[in-house]
Amino acid sequence: MSVPTLFLIAGEPSGDALGARLMASAKRLTGGRVRFAGIGGERMIAEGLESLFPMAELTLFGIFELLPHLPNLIRRIDQTVATILRDRPAVVVGIDSPGFTVRVSKKVRTAAPGIPLVHYVAPTVWAWKPKRAAKYAAIYDHLLAVLPFEPPYFEREGLACTFVGHSVVESGAGAGDAGRFRVRHGLAPTDRLVAILPGSRKGEVSRLLPDFRATLERLRPTHPGLVAVVPTVATVRDRVIAAVADWPVRTIVIEGDAAKYDAFAAAEAALAASGTVALELALARLPAVIAYRLNPVTVALYRRLIRVKYVNLVNLMLDRMLVPELLQQECRPERLAKELARLLDDPQARQAQIDGVVEVARWLGQGDRPPSERAARAILDVIARHHPNPEAGEARP
């Protein structure tokens, strides 16, 4: 009996986490009779992927941030397509990062229509660019949605779509150990921990860390014992360490999910870049302030297309501003410090956030089967439908 190859493509740390959990579930469901190829980061590599090239080359965001890297991006698209056409995997799964994965999938669909294509994480057509639903239907065989209200947007275009739940519920974000973190880092009982999360992209870190530093400078006189903990990832580790070297309060830089979730348990509040981490904070019941800053021209172009009131998924799902969002010109140290101080000093404000995210956690897919298992089952079903011949989809030497 042949062993199918799943060709997985992730382009940033959040997709790498999704891909790693998907790989682990696929191995469990098949008893290890599955192979992996494609592009991923350190988590997918730890699950057995040999990445075609470093995932960090794809961790880009924004029109003007992307332009200098465009020639290399085109080269990597062509390299990825050529590899898929040569090896003929049982399925190709693009994990978010549509700027890269959609372009690869479109070329594969044209050159080899028999290779099934799946996209994991439905595009936010309910937020902007609704015509993308029809575009995806013309390319993909199946779509995996992480939010329960998403499938109808694509099914009406003829694209099969399965709600699998949000993989962040598998992260362990709510299971951190506060005592362990405080002992490990020698924190005194009077030390007050704030989690600072500047993002995983170089542009995010460069734009946000100066404002975050100035925010702590404003808080220090009125909040003695303040300690900052900054979880980071390999793609921006060195940049973060250099940036926090002269911060006005004691600052602890950590790596790895276990350390991050222990920090969440020990912290009183968080200041975070917009992104998947906002959902981790919600699951950890850690009150937060969300901040973000993009190239102004990029923002001006996006604002013509965006159809939603909030950027934080917690706020979107609740349809109200539970978690403060300070974006672009509002992302200023005095505003950030004011909102963060409110969470540190006002127990009612803290509890309001904690109470508000309980329903969100349920909507994200907490249930009898983890989202990664649902995703893996859906992908294996796609392989079974497209490869009734047991020799199809076998990895070639």
Protein backbone atom coordinates (compact mmCIF):
# COMPACT_ATOMS: atom_id res chain seq x y z
CA MET A 1 0.00 0.00 0.00
CA SER A 2 1.38 3.42 -0.96
CA VAL A 3 2.13 6.23 1.46
CA PRO A 4 0.62 9.58 0.37
CA THR A 5 2.64 12.76 0.36
CA LEU A 6 1.08 15.98 1.65
CA PHE A 7 2.76 19.05 0.17
CA LEU A 8 2.24 21.81 2.75
CA ILE A 9 3.02 25.50 2.30
CA ALA A 10 3.20 27.88 5.27
CA GLY A 11 4.53 31.41 5.03
CA GLU A 12 4.58 32.78 8.58
CA PRO A 13 4.77 31.58 12.21
CA SER A 14 1.00 31.30 12.69
CA GLY A 15 0.79 29.10 9.59
CA ASP A 16 3.77 27.10 10.78
CA ALA A 17 1.88 26.35 14.00
CA LEU A 18 -1.20 25.31 12.03
CA GLY A 19 0.89 23.12 9.77
CA ALA A 20 2.70 21.42 12.63
CA ARG A 21 -0.55 20.50 14.37
CA LEU A 22 -2.00 19.31 11.08
CA MET A 23 1.04 17.10 10.49
CA ALA A 24 0.84 15.60 13.98
CA SER A 25 -2.86 14.81 13.51
CA ALA A 26 -2.30 13.29 10.06
CA LYS A 27 0.38 11.01 11.52
CA ARG A 28 -1.96 9.89 14.30
CA LEU A 29 -4.87 9.23 11.94
CA THR A 30 -2.76 7.22 9.47
CA GLY A 31 -0.59 5.40 11.98
CA GLY A 32 2.42 7.26 10.61
CA ARG A 33 1.77 6.21 7.00
CA VAL A 34 2.06 9.68 5.52
CA ARG A 35 4.88 11.80 4.15
CA PHE A 36 5.35 15.55 4.07
CA ALA A 37 7.04 17.97 1.72
CA GLY A 38 6.81 21.71 1.16
CA ILE A 39 7.69 24.89 3.01
CA GLY A 40 7.46 25.54 6.74
CA GLY A 41 9.17 26.86 9.81
CA GLU A 42 10.75 25.37 12.89
CA ARG A 43 7.55 23.74 14.18
CA MET A 44 6.78 21.95 10.92
CA ILE A 45 10.42 20.94 10.61
CA ALA A 46 10.21 19.43 14.10
CA GLU A 47 7.28 17.30 12.86
CA GLY A 48 9.35 15.93 9.98
CA LEU A 49 9.20 18.47 7.16
CA GLU A 50 12.28 19.22 5.08
CA SER A 51 11.52 22.76 4.00
CA LEU A 52 12.22 23.56 0.37
CA PHE A 53 13.70 26.90 1.48
CA PRO A 54 13.57 29.00 4.68
CA MET A 55 10.03 30.06 5.50
CA ALA A 56 11.35 33.41 6.71
CA GLU A 57 11.67 34.48 3.06
CA LEU A 58 7.86 34.55 2.86
CA THR A 59 7.16 36.43 6.10
CA LEU A 60 6.17 39.68 4.42
CA PHE A 61 3.21 42.01 4.79
CA GLY A 62 2.00 45.15 3.06
CA ILE A 63 2.41 46.37 -0.49
CA PHE A 64 5.46 48.57 0.01
CA GLU A 65 7.05 46.15 2.46
CA LEU A 66 6.79 43.46 -0.23
CA LEU A 67 8.16 45.30 -3.28
CA PRO A 68 11.90 45.00 -2.52
CA HIS A 69 11.52 41.23 -2.15
CA LEU A 70 9.39 40.68 -5.26
CA PRO A 71 12.06 39.16 -7.55
CA ASN A 72 12.99 36.54 -4.95
CA LEU A 73 9.32 35.85 -4.25
CA ILE A 74 8.66 35.17 -7.94
CA ARG A 75 11.65 32.85 -8.05
CA ARG A 76 10.42 30.93 -5.02
CA ILE A 77 6.93 30.61 -6.53
CA ASP A 78 8.40 29.08 -9.69
CA GLN A 79 10.65 26.77 -7.66
CA THR A 80 7.72 25.56 -5.56
CA VAL A 81 5.51 24.92 -8.58
CA ALA A 82 8.30 23.03 -10.37
CA THR A 83 8.82 20.82 -7.32
CA ILE A 84 5.10 20.01 -7.09
CA LEU A 85 4.87 19.18 -10.80
CA ARG A 86 7.93 16.95 -10.56
CA ASP A 87 6.93 15.05 -7.41
CA ARG A 88 3.13 14.86 -7.90
CA PRO A 89 2.07 14.80 -4.23
CA ALA A 90 -1.30 13.37 -3.18
CA VAL A 91 -2.50 16.86 -2.25
CA VAL A 92 -1.19 20.42 -2.01
CA VAL A 93 -2.29 22.35 1.09
CA GLY A 94 -1.71 26.10 1.22
CA ILE A 95 -1.83 27.34 4.80
CA ASP A 96 -2.95 30.97 4.87
CA SER A 97 -0.30 33.35 3.35
CA PRO A 98 -2.45 33.88 0.23
CA GLY A 99 0.06 36.18 -1.44
CA PHE A 100 2.26 33.14 -2.00
CA THR A 101 0.03 30.08 -1.70
CA VAL A 102 -2.70 31.27 -4.07
CA ARG A 103 -0.17 32.09 -6.78
CA VAL A 104 1.43 28.66 -6.42
CA SER A 105 -1.95 26.91 -6.46
CA LYS A 106 -3.15 28.81 -9.52
CA LYS A 107 -0.09 27.74 -11.51
CA VAL A 108 -0.43 24.14 -10.36
CA ARG A 109 -4.12 24.09 -11.27
CA THR A 110 -3.28 25.22 -14.82
CA ALA A 111 -0.32 22.87 -15.32
CA ALA A 112 -1.61 19.78 -13.48
CA PRO A 113 -5.39 19.91 -12.89
CA GLY A 114 -5.36 16.38 -11.48
CA ILE A 115 -3.47 17.38 -8.31
CA PRO A 116 -6.04 18.24 -5.61
CA LEU A 117 -5.62 21.65 -4.02
CA VAL A 118 -6.76 22.60 -0.51
CA HIS A 119 -6.50 25.95 1.23
CA TYR A 120 -6.40 26.02 5.03
CA VAL A 121 -7.82 29.21 6.58
CA ALA A 122 -10.56 30.75 4.50
CA PRO A 123 -9.90 34.30 3.27
CA THR A 124 -11.85 36.92 5.16
CA VAL A 125 -14.30 37.67 2.34
CA TRP A 126 -16.76 38.88 4.99
CA ALA A 127 -14.26 41.63 5.83
CA TRP A 128 -12.94 42.70 2.44
CA LYS A 129 -12.65 41.62 -1.22
CA PRO A 130 -15.82 39.46 -1.33
CA LYS A 131 -15.04 38.51 -4.94
CA ARG A 132 -12.21 36.33 -3.61
CA ALA A 133 -14.80 33.63 -2.87
CA ALA A 134 -15.34 33.09 -6.61
CA LYS A 135 -11.59 33.32 -7.24
CA TYR A 136 -10.88 30.57 -4.71
CA ALA A 137 -13.69 28.42 -6.14
CA ALA A 138 -11.96 28.54 -9.53
CA ILE A 139 -8.66 27.30 -8.07
CA TYR A 140 -9.29 25.00 -5.10
CA ASP A 141 -10.99 21.67 -4.57
CA HIS A 142 -11.63 22.23 -0.87
CA LEU A 143 -11.39 25.00 1.69
CA LEU A 144 -10.90 24.67 5.45
CA ALA A 145 -12.56 27.45 7.49
CA VAL A 146 -11.63 28.36 11.05
CA LEU A 147 -14.80 30.33 11.85
CA PRO A 148 -18.29 28.83 11.91
CA PHE A 149 -19.97 31.51 9.78
CA GLU A 150 -17.53 31.27 6.85
CA PRO A 151 -18.58 28.18 4.77
CA PRO A 152 -21.74 29.69 3.18
CA TYR A 153 -19.69 32.47 1.54
CA PHE A 154 -17.81 29.83 -0.48
CA GLU A 155 -20.41 27.12 -0.86
CA ARG A 156 -22.63 29.53 -2.77
CA GLU A 157 -19.75 29.78 -5.27
CA GLY A 158 -19.56 26.00 -5.59
CA LEU A 159 -16.46 25.47 -3.43
CA ALA A 160 -16.68 22.73 -0.81
CA CYS A 161 -15.84 24.25 2.57
CA THR A 162 -15.46 22.56 5.95
CA PHE A 163 -15.55 24.39 9.28
CA VAL A 164 -12.77 22.80 11.31
CA GLY A 165 -12.40 25.29 14.16
CA HIS A 166 -9.50 27.53 15.07
CA SER A 167 -6.30 25.69 15.87
CA VAL A 168 -5.42 28.25 18.52
CA VAL A 169 -7.66 26.30 20.93
CA GLU A 170 -5.03 23.54 20.79
CA SER A 171 -2.19 25.87 21.67
CA GLY A 172 -2.34 25.40 25.43
CA ALA A 173 -2.58 29.17 25.79
CA GLY A 174 -4.87 28.82 28.79
CA ALA A 175 -2.79 26.20 30.59
CA GLY A 176 0.27 28.20 31.59
CA ASP A 177 1.88 27.96 35.03
CA ALA A 178 2.32 31.37 36.67
CA GLY A 179 4.28 30.05 39.64
CA ARG A 180 6.73 28.21 37.44
CA PHE A 181 7.41 31.36 35.43
CA ARG A 182 7.94 33.55 38.47
CA VAL A 183 10.33 31.07 40.09
CA ARG A 184 12.29 30.51 36.88
CA HIS A 185 12.89 34.23 36.39
CA GLY A 186 13.37 35.20 40.03
CA LEU A 187 10.36 37.51 40.21
CA ALA A 188 9.50 39.00 43.58
CA PRO A 189 5.91 38.98 44.90
CA THR A 190 5.76 42.74 44.29
CA ASP A 191 6.86 42.48 40.64
CA ARG A 192 4.02 43.22 38.20
CA LEU A 193 4.37 41.44 34.89
CA VAL A 194 3.17 42.86 31.55
CA ALA A 195 3.39 40.76 28.38
CA ILE A 196 4.66 42.72 25.37
CA LEU A 197 4.04 41.08 21.97
CA PRO A 198 5.36 43.12 19.02
CA GLY A 199 4.61 40.54 16.30
CA SER A 200 6.56 38.04 14.26
CA ARG A 201 7.38 40.11 11.18
CA LYS A 202 10.42 42.34 10.94
CA GLY A 203 8.35 45.33 9.87
CA GLU A 204 5.96 44.93 12.80
CA VAL A 205 8.78 44.73 15.31
CA SER A 206 10.57 47.76 13.86
CA ARG A 207 7.44 49.91 13.86
CA LEU A 208 5.95 48.88 17.22
CA LEU A 209 8.84 48.37 19.65
CA PRO A 210 9.78 52.08 19.91
CA ASP A 211 6.19 52.94 20.86
CA PHE A 212 6.05 50.03 23.29
CA ARG A 213 9.27 51.20 24.93
CA ALA A 214 7.90 54.72 25.31
CA THR A 215 4.70 53.26 26.78
CA LEU A 216 6.66 51.51 29.53
CA GLU A 217 8.61 54.73 30.16
CA ARG A 218 5.31 56.48 30.87
CA LEU A 219 4.03 53.70 33.14
CA ARG A 220 7.19 53.25 35.22
CA PRO A 221 6.75 56.21 37.64
CA THR A 222 3.22 55.18 38.62
CA HIS A 223 3.67 51.41 38.54
CA PRO A 224 6.67 50.34 40.64
CA GLY A 225 7.87 46.79 40.16
CA LEU A 226 6.81 46.72 36.52
CA VAL A 227 8.51 43.92 34.54
CA ALA A 228 8.10 43.37 30.80
CA VAL A 229 8.19 39.91 29.26
CA VAL A 230 8.60 39.77 25.49
CA PRO A 231 7.85 36.43 23.79
CA THR A 232 9.54 36.23 20.39
CA VAL A 233 10.26 33.83 17.53
CA ALA A 234 13.39 32.94 15.59
CA THR A 235 12.58 35.22 12.63
CA VAL A 236 12.89 38.39 14.73
CA ARG A 237 14.74 37.20 17.83
CA ASP A 238 17.95 39.17 17.31
CA ARG A 239 16.08 42.33 16.38
CA VAL A 240 13.94 42.12 19.52
CA ILE A 241 16.88 41.44 21.84
CA ALA A 242 18.75 44.44 20.47
CA ALA A 243 15.72 46.71 20.73
CA VAL A 244 14.88 45.93 24.37
CA ALA A 245 18.45 46.23 25.67
CA ASP A 246 17.84 49.77 26.95
CA TRP A 247 14.22 49.49 28.03
CA PRO A 248 13.28 51.47 31.17
CA VAL A 249 12.07 48.43 33.15
CA ARG A 250 13.43 44.96 33.64
CA THR A 251 12.71 43.05 30.43
CA ILE A 252 12.71 39.28 29.94
CA VAL A 253 12.87 37.91 26.37
CA ILE A 254 11.56 34.37 25.99
CA GLU A 255 11.03 31.84 23.19
CA GLY A 256 8.76 28.85 22.82
CA ASP A 257 5.08 28.30 23.42
CA ALA A 258 5.45 26.78 26.89
CA ALA A 259 7.37 29.79 28.20
CA LYS A 260 4.95 32.19 26.49
CA TYR A 261 1.88 30.60 28.04
CA ASP A 262 3.52 30.52 31.47
CA ALA A 263 4.17 34.24 31.01
CA PHE A 264 0.52 34.80 30.09
CA ALA A 265 -0.53 33.07 33.31
CA ALA A 266 1.84 35.23 35.37
CA ALA A 267 1.06 38.55 33.66
CA GLU A 268 -1.59 41.07 34.67
CA ALA A 269 -2.09 42.55 31.19
CA ALA A 270 -0.68 42.48 27.67
CA LEU A 271 0.21 44.94 24.94
CA ALA A 272 0.14 43.11 21.61
CA ALA A 273 0.34 43.54 17.87
CA SER A 274 -2.85 42.61 16.05
CA GLY A 275 -2.85 38.98 14.91
CA THR A 276 -3.41 35.41 16.06
CA VAL A 277 -1.80 36.21 19.41
CA ALA A 278 -4.93 38.18 20.31
CA LEU A 279 -6.83 34.88 20.30
CA GLU A 280 -4.16 33.23 22.45
CA LEU A 281 -4.53 36.06 24.94
CA ALA A 282 -8.30 35.57 24.94
CA LEU A 283 -7.94 31.85 25.64
CA ALA A 284 -5.46 32.66 28.42
CA ARG A 285 -8.00 35.12 29.88
CA LEU A 286 -5.29 37.80 29.85
CA PRO A 287 -6.70 41.32 29.38
CA ALA A 288 -4.98 43.12 26.54
CA VAL A 289 -4.55 46.23 24.46
CA ILE A 290 -4.13 45.66 20.72
CA ALA A 291 -1.87 47.95 18.68
CA TYR A 292 -0.81 48.08 15.06
CA ARG A 293 0.93 50.33 12.61
CA LEU A 294 1.42 49.90 8.86
CA ASN A 295 2.93 51.95 6.07
CA PRO A 296 0.45 54.88 5.69
CA VAL A 297 0.08 54.37 1.94
CA THR A 298 -0.67 50.69 2.44
CA VAL A 299 -3.32 51.58 4.98
CA ALA A 300 -4.90 54.17 2.68
CA LEU A 301 -5.30 51.51 -0.01
CA TYR A 302 -6.64 48.88 2.37
CA ARG A 303 -9.20 51.23 3.93
CA ARG A 304 -11.02 51.46 0.60
CA LEU A 305 -11.58 47.70 0.69
CA ILE A 306 -12.10 46.77 4.35
CA ARG A 307 -15.73 46.23 5.34
CA VAL A 308 -15.45 45.55 9.09
CA LYS A 309 -15.33 47.79 12.15
CA TYR A 310 -12.56 45.97 14.07
CA VAL A 311 -9.25 44.25 13.40
CA ASN A 312 -9.23 42.03 16.49
CA LEU A 313 -11.12 38.79 15.91
CA VAL A 314 -12.44 38.85 19.49
CA ASN A 315 -14.10 42.20 18.83
CA LEU A 316 -15.33 41.07 15.42
CA MET A 317 -17.02 37.99 16.82
CA LEU A 318 -18.62 39.94 19.66
CA ASP A 319 -19.44 42.89 17.37
CA ARG A 320 -18.27 45.33 20.03
CA MET A 321 -15.03 46.87 21.24
CA LEU A 322 -14.21 44.62 24.18
CA VAL A 323 -10.42 44.71 23.65
CA PRO A 324 -9.05 48.23 22.98
CA GLU A 325 -7.64 48.65 19.46
CA LEU A 326 -5.14 51.48 18.91
CA LEU A 327 -4.21 51.55 15.24
CA GLN A 328 -2.09 53.82 13.06
CA GLN A 329 -2.26 57.41 14.40
CA GLU A 330 -3.96 56.14 17.57
CA CYS A 331 -0.98 53.88 18.24
CA ARG A 332 0.81 56.45 20.39
CA PRO A 333 2.62 55.90 23.71
CA GLU A 334 0.29 58.19 25.67
CA ARG A 335 -2.80 56.32 24.42
CA LEU A 336 -1.22 52.91 24.89
CA ALA A 337 -0.09 53.78 28.42
CA LYS A 338 -3.55 55.06 29.36
CA GLU A 339 -5.32 51.88 28.21
CA LEU A 340 -2.71 49.59 29.73
CA ALA A 341 -2.81 51.46 33.05
CA ARG A 342 -6.60 51.02 33.13
CA LEU A 343 -6.17 47.24 32.90
CA LEU A 344 -3.45 47.25 35.56
CA ASP A 345 -5.36 49.49 37.99
CA ASP A 346 -9.04 48.78 37.46
CA PRO A 347 -10.21 45.27 38.47
CA GLN A 348 -13.60 45.83 36.84
CA ALA A 349 -12.01 46.65 33.48
CA ARG A 350 -9.90 43.50 33.72
CA GLN A 351 -12.87 41.32 34.62
CA ALA A 352 -14.98 42.73 31.80
CA GLN A 353 -12.45 41.45 29.25
CA ILE A 354 -12.14 38.09 30.96
CA ASP A 355 -15.91 37.60 31.01
CA GLY A 356 -16.29 38.68 27.39
CA VAL A 357 -13.97 36.10 25.86
CA VAL A 358 -15.66 33.01 27.31
CA GLU A 359 -18.18 32.81 24.46
CA VAL A 360 -15.48 33.54 21.89
CA ALA A 361 -13.51 30.49 23.02
CA ARG A 362 -16.53 28.31 22.32
CA TRP A 363 -17.06 29.83 18.89
CA LEU A 364 -13.44 29.16 17.98
CA GLY A 365 -14.10 25.44 18.04
CA GLN A 366 -13.49 23.98 21.46
CA GLY A 367 -15.21 20.59 21.39
CA ASP A 368 -14.85 16.83 21.20
CA ARG A 369 -12.27 16.80 18.37
CA PRO A 370 -9.40 19.27 18.07
CA PRO A 371 -9.42 21.50 14.98
CA SER A 372 -6.20 20.01 13.63
CA GLU A 373 -7.77 16.54 13.63
CA ARG A 374 -10.84 17.84 11.80
CA ALA A 375 -8.55 19.50 9.27
CA ALA A 376 -6.46 16.37 8.80
CA ARG A 377 -9.58 14.22 8.32
CA ALA A 378 -10.92 16.63 5.69
CA ILE A 379 -7.61 16.56 3.80
CA LEU A 380 -7.36 12.77 3.92
CA ASP A 381 -10.94 12.61 2.60
CA VAL A 382 -9.90 14.85 -0.31
CA ILE A 383 -7.03 12.47 -1.08
CA ALA A 384 -9.36 9.46 -0.95
CA ARG A 385 -11.81 11.11 -3.36
CA HIS A 386 -9.15 12.16 -5.85
CA HIS A 387 -6.94 9.09 -5.62
CA PRO A 388 -9.10 5.95 -5.59
CA ASN A 389 -6.10 4.16 -7.11
CA PRO A 390 -3.94 3.16 -4.08
CA GLU A 391 -0.77 3.89 -6.07
CA ALA A 392 -1.76 7.50 -6.71
CA GLY A 393 -0.14 10.22 -4.67
CA GLU A 394 2.83 8.06 -3.68
CA ALA A 395 6.02 10.00 -3.08
CA ARG A 396 8.53 9.67 -5.83
CA PRO A 397 12.18 9.09 -5.01
